[in-house]
Amino acid sequence: MSELSLYGVRFYKEKYNRWYVDLPEWKGSKEDLEMVMGADVMLDFISNFKKDIKLDISTYNDNYKYKLVLIEKLETGGANYHFIYDDLNFIVWLCDVTLFVFKSFPQTIYIN
């Protein structure tokens, strides 16, 4: 897989504290873009509970603050990752929209 960096990816929180990724090129449903199962917790943590955040996301480390490390790809769809920041470590599930963005489930995703 080639290295990929995305700069200024926007995530926003709507009614009932639901997080979504702003991905205008996505042709599927908005529900597919909802951040759930740990991804919402990760965004609350990174944003310090704000309602909107822009993040730089990369498949290579260029002094990035946070990282997601692949645990397993799931037969039912998506993949589980460890979110790692200092001593903080919890599981985040990323759906198949990740495949749309990266063309695979990267071994490591770096976030700043």
C-alpha atoms as a PDB file:
ATOM      1  CA  MET A   1       0.000   0.000   0.000  1.00  0.00           C
ATOM      2  CA  SER A   2       1.267   3.467  -0.797  1.00  0.00           C
ATOM      3  CA  GLU A   3       1.457   6.147   1.838  1.00  0.00           C
ATOM      4  CA  LEU A   4      -1.451   8.560   2.011  1.00  0.00           C
ATOM      5  CA  SER A   5      -2.017  11.793   3.919  1.00  0.00           C
ATOM      6  CA  LEU A   6      -5.289  13.657   4.238  1.00  0.00           C
ATOM      7  CA  TYR A   7      -5.161  17.166   5.638  1.00  0.00           C
ATOM      8  CA  GLY A   8      -7.987  19.018   7.349  1.00  0.00           C
ATOM      9  CA  VAL A   9     -10.502  16.174   7.467  1.00  0.00           C
ATOM     10  CA  ARG A  10     -13.527  17.586   9.244  1.00  0.00           C
ATOM     11  CA  PHE A  11     -15.537  15.699  11.845  1.00  0.00           C
ATOM     12  CA  TYR A  12     -18.656  17.246  13.330  1.00  0.00           C
ATOM     13  CA  LYS A  13     -21.147  16.419  16.049  1.00  0.00           C
ATOM     14  CA  GLU A  14     -24.887  16.656  15.474  1.00  0.00           C
ATOM     15  CA  LYS A  15     -28.016  16.134  17.544  1.00  0.00           C
ATOM     16  CA  TYR A  16     -27.761  13.501  20.283  1.00  0.00           C
ATOM     17  CA  ASN A  17     -23.943  13.911  20.238  1.00  0.00           C
ATOM     18  CA  ARG A  18     -23.481  11.828  17.092  1.00  0.00           C
ATOM     19  CA  TRP A  19     -20.171  12.324  15.286  1.00  0.00           C
ATOM     20  CA  TYR A  20     -19.879  12.224  11.475  1.00  0.00           C
ATOM     21  CA  VAL A  21     -16.993  12.569   9.065  1.00  0.00           C
ATOM     22  CA  ASP A  22     -17.478  15.256   6.408  1.00  0.00           C
ATOM     23  CA  LEU A  23     -16.743  13.334   3.223  1.00  0.00           C
ATOM     24  CA  PRO A  24     -18.425  15.156   0.289  1.00  0.00           C
ATOM     25  CA  GLU A  25     -17.207  12.593  -2.267  1.00  0.00           C
ATOM     26  CA  TRP A  26     -19.062   9.782  -0.440  1.00  0.00           C
ATOM     27  CA  LYS A  27     -22.079   8.657  -2.500  1.00  0.00           C
ATOM     28  CA  GLY A  28     -23.585   6.361   0.153  1.00  0.00           C
ATOM     29  CA  SER A  29     -25.886   7.263   3.015  1.00  0.00           C
ATOM     30  CA  LYS A  30     -25.031   9.759   5.728  1.00  0.00           C
ATOM     31  CA  GLU A  31     -25.490   7.004   8.325  1.00  0.00           C
ATOM     32  CA  ASP A  32     -22.439   5.272   6.836  1.00  0.00           C
ATOM     33  CA  LEU A  33     -20.363   8.293   7.874  1.00  0.00           C
ATOM     34  CA  GLU A  34     -21.334   8.159  11.547  1.00  0.00           C
ATOM     35  CA  MET A  35     -18.445   7.566  13.924  1.00  0.00           C
ATOM     36  CA  VAL A  36     -19.471   4.831  16.389  1.00  0.00           C
ATOM     37  CA  MET A  37     -18.071   2.079  18.620  1.00  0.00           C
ATOM     38  CA  GLY A  38     -15.120   3.941  20.066  1.00  0.00           C
ATOM     39  CA  ALA A  39     -14.513   6.346  17.176  1.00  0.00           C
ATOM     40  CA  ASP A  40     -16.981   8.755  18.805  1.00  0.00           C
ATOM     41  CA  VAL A  41     -15.129   8.468  22.128  1.00  0.00           C
ATOM     42  CA  MET A  42     -11.824   9.069  20.345  1.00  0.00           C
ATOM     43  CA  LEU A  43     -13.186  12.240  18.713  1.00  0.00           C
ATOM     44  CA  ASP A  44     -14.580  13.506  22.018  1.00  0.00           C
ATOM     45  CA  PHE A  45     -11.142  12.986  23.573  1.00  0.00           C
ATOM     46  CA  ILE A  46      -9.142  14.579  20.736  1.00  0.00           C
ATOM     47  CA  SER A  47     -11.545  17.531  20.361  1.00  0.00           C
ATOM     48  CA  ASN A  48     -11.855  18.055  24.121  1.00  0.00           C
ATOM     49  CA  PHE A  49     -15.621  17.567  23.730  1.00  0.00           C
ATOM     50  CA  LYS A  50     -16.081  20.247  21.080  1.00  0.00           C
ATOM     51  CA  LYS A  51     -18.647  19.824  18.303  1.00  0.00           C
ATOM     52  CA  ASP A  52     -16.314  20.244  15.326  1.00  0.00           C
ATOM     53  CA  ILE A  53     -12.694  19.324  14.622  1.00  0.00           C
ATOM     54  CA  LYS A  54     -10.333  19.146  11.650  1.00  0.00           C
ATOM     55  CA  LEU A  55      -7.663  16.462  11.738  1.00  0.00           C
ATOM     56  CA  ASP A  56      -4.691  15.495   9.618  1.00  0.00           C
ATOM     57  CA  ILE A  57      -4.694  11.743   8.972  1.00  0.00           C
ATOM     58  CA  SER A  58      -1.825   9.759   7.486  1.00  0.00           C
ATOM     59  CA  THR A  59      -0.546   6.252   6.901  1.00  0.00           C
ATOM     60  CA  TYR A  60       2.982   7.316   7.784  1.00  0.00           C
ATOM     61  CA  ASN A  61       4.276   8.969  10.928  1.00  0.00           C
ATOM     62  CA  ASP A  62       5.445  12.531  10.524  1.00  0.00           C
ATOM     63  CA  ASN A  63       5.328  13.610  14.182  1.00  0.00           C
ATOM     64  CA  TYR A  64       1.684  12.699  14.625  1.00  0.00           C
ATOM     65  CA  LYS A  65       0.218  12.822  18.126  1.00  0.00           C
ATOM     66  CA  TYR A  66      -2.249   9.897  18.068  1.00  0.00           C
ATOM     67  CA  LYS A  67      -2.336   6.582  16.288  1.00  0.00           C
ATOM     68  CA  LEU A  68      -4.662   3.735  15.461  1.00  0.00           C
ATOM     69  CA  VAL A  69      -3.046   0.305  15.174  1.00  0.00           C
ATOM     70  CA  LEU A  70      -4.916  -2.471  13.381  1.00  0.00           C
ATOM     71  CA  ILE A  71      -6.014  -5.376  15.577  1.00  0.00           C
ATOM     72  CA  GLU A  72      -8.150  -7.320  13.118  1.00  0.00           C
ATOM     73  CA  LYS A  73     -10.278  -7.044  10.007  1.00  0.00           C
ATOM     74  CA  LEU A  74     -13.756  -8.383  10.652  1.00  0.00           C
ATOM     75  CA  GLU A  75     -15.658 -10.754   8.373  1.00  0.00           C
ATOM     76  CA  THR A  76     -18.837  -8.844   9.215  1.00  0.00           C
ATOM     77  CA  GLY A  77     -17.297  -5.598   7.925  1.00  0.00           C
ATOM     78  CA  GLY A  78     -14.923  -2.990   9.218  1.00  0.00           C
ATOM     79  CA  ALA A  79     -11.885  -3.437  11.404  1.00  0.00           C
ATOM     80  CA  ASN A  80     -10.909  -3.035  15.040  1.00  0.00           C
ATOM     81  CA  TYR A  81      -8.041  -0.722  15.943  1.00  0.00           C
ATOM     82  CA  HIS A  82      -6.219   0.220  19.145  1.00  0.00           C
ATOM     83  CA  PHE A  83      -6.359   3.981  19.709  1.00  0.00           C
ATOM     84  CA  ILE A  84      -3.041   4.879  21.335  1.00  0.00           C
ATOM     85  CA  TYR A  85      -2.007   8.118  22.996  1.00  0.00           C
ATOM     86  CA  ASP A  86       0.588   7.988  25.782  1.00  0.00           C
ATOM     87  CA  ASP A  87      -0.803   5.438  28.278  1.00  0.00           C
ATOM     88  CA  LEU A  88      -4.351   5.686  26.898  1.00  0.00           C
ATOM     89  CA  ASN A  89      -5.357   2.696  24.797  1.00  0.00           C
ATOM     90  CA  PHE A  90      -8.854   1.587  23.796  1.00  0.00           C
ATOM     91  CA  ILE A  91     -10.569  -0.180  20.908  1.00  0.00           C
ATOM     92  CA  VAL A  92     -12.059   1.746  17.988  1.00  0.00           C
ATOM     93  CA  TRP A  93     -14.085   0.144  15.212  1.00  0.00           C
ATOM     94  CA  LEU A  94     -13.765   1.679  11.744  1.00  0.00           C
ATOM     95  CA  CYS A  95     -16.346   0.798   9.104  1.00  0.00           C
ATOM     96  CA  ASP A  96     -15.801   0.028   5.441  1.00  0.00           C
ATOM     97  CA  VAL A  97     -15.800   3.746   4.571  1.00  0.00           C
ATOM     98  CA  THR A  98     -12.139   3.368   5.588  1.00  0.00           C
ATOM     99  CA  LEU A  99     -11.709   1.216   2.460  1.00  0.00           C
ATOM    100  CA  PHE A 100     -13.193   4.018   0.360  1.00  0.00           C
ATOM    101  CA  VAL A 101     -10.655   6.485   1.770  1.00  0.00           C
ATOM    102  CA  PHE A 102      -7.513   4.321   2.046  1.00  0.00           C
ATOM    103  CA  LYS A 103      -8.311   1.436  -0.387  1.00  0.00           C
ATOM    104  CA  SER A 104      -7.459  -0.957   2.474  1.00  0.00           C
ATOM    105  CA  PHE A 105      -7.375  -1.094   6.254  1.00  0.00           C
ATOM    106  CA  PRO A 106      -3.938   0.391   6.985  1.00  0.00           C
ATOM    107  CA  GLN A 107      -1.772  -1.299   9.598  1.00  0.00           C
ATOM    108  CA  THR A 108      -1.355   2.076  11.326  1.00  0.00           C
ATOM    109  CA  ILE A 109      -3.262   5.341  10.942  1.00  0.00           C
ATOM    110  CA  TYR A 110      -1.657   8.462  12.396  1.00  0.00           C
ATOM    111  CA  ILE A 111      -3.776  11.421  13.538  1.00  0.00           C
ATOM    112  CA  ASN A 112      -2.878  14.986  14.424  1.00  0.00           C
END
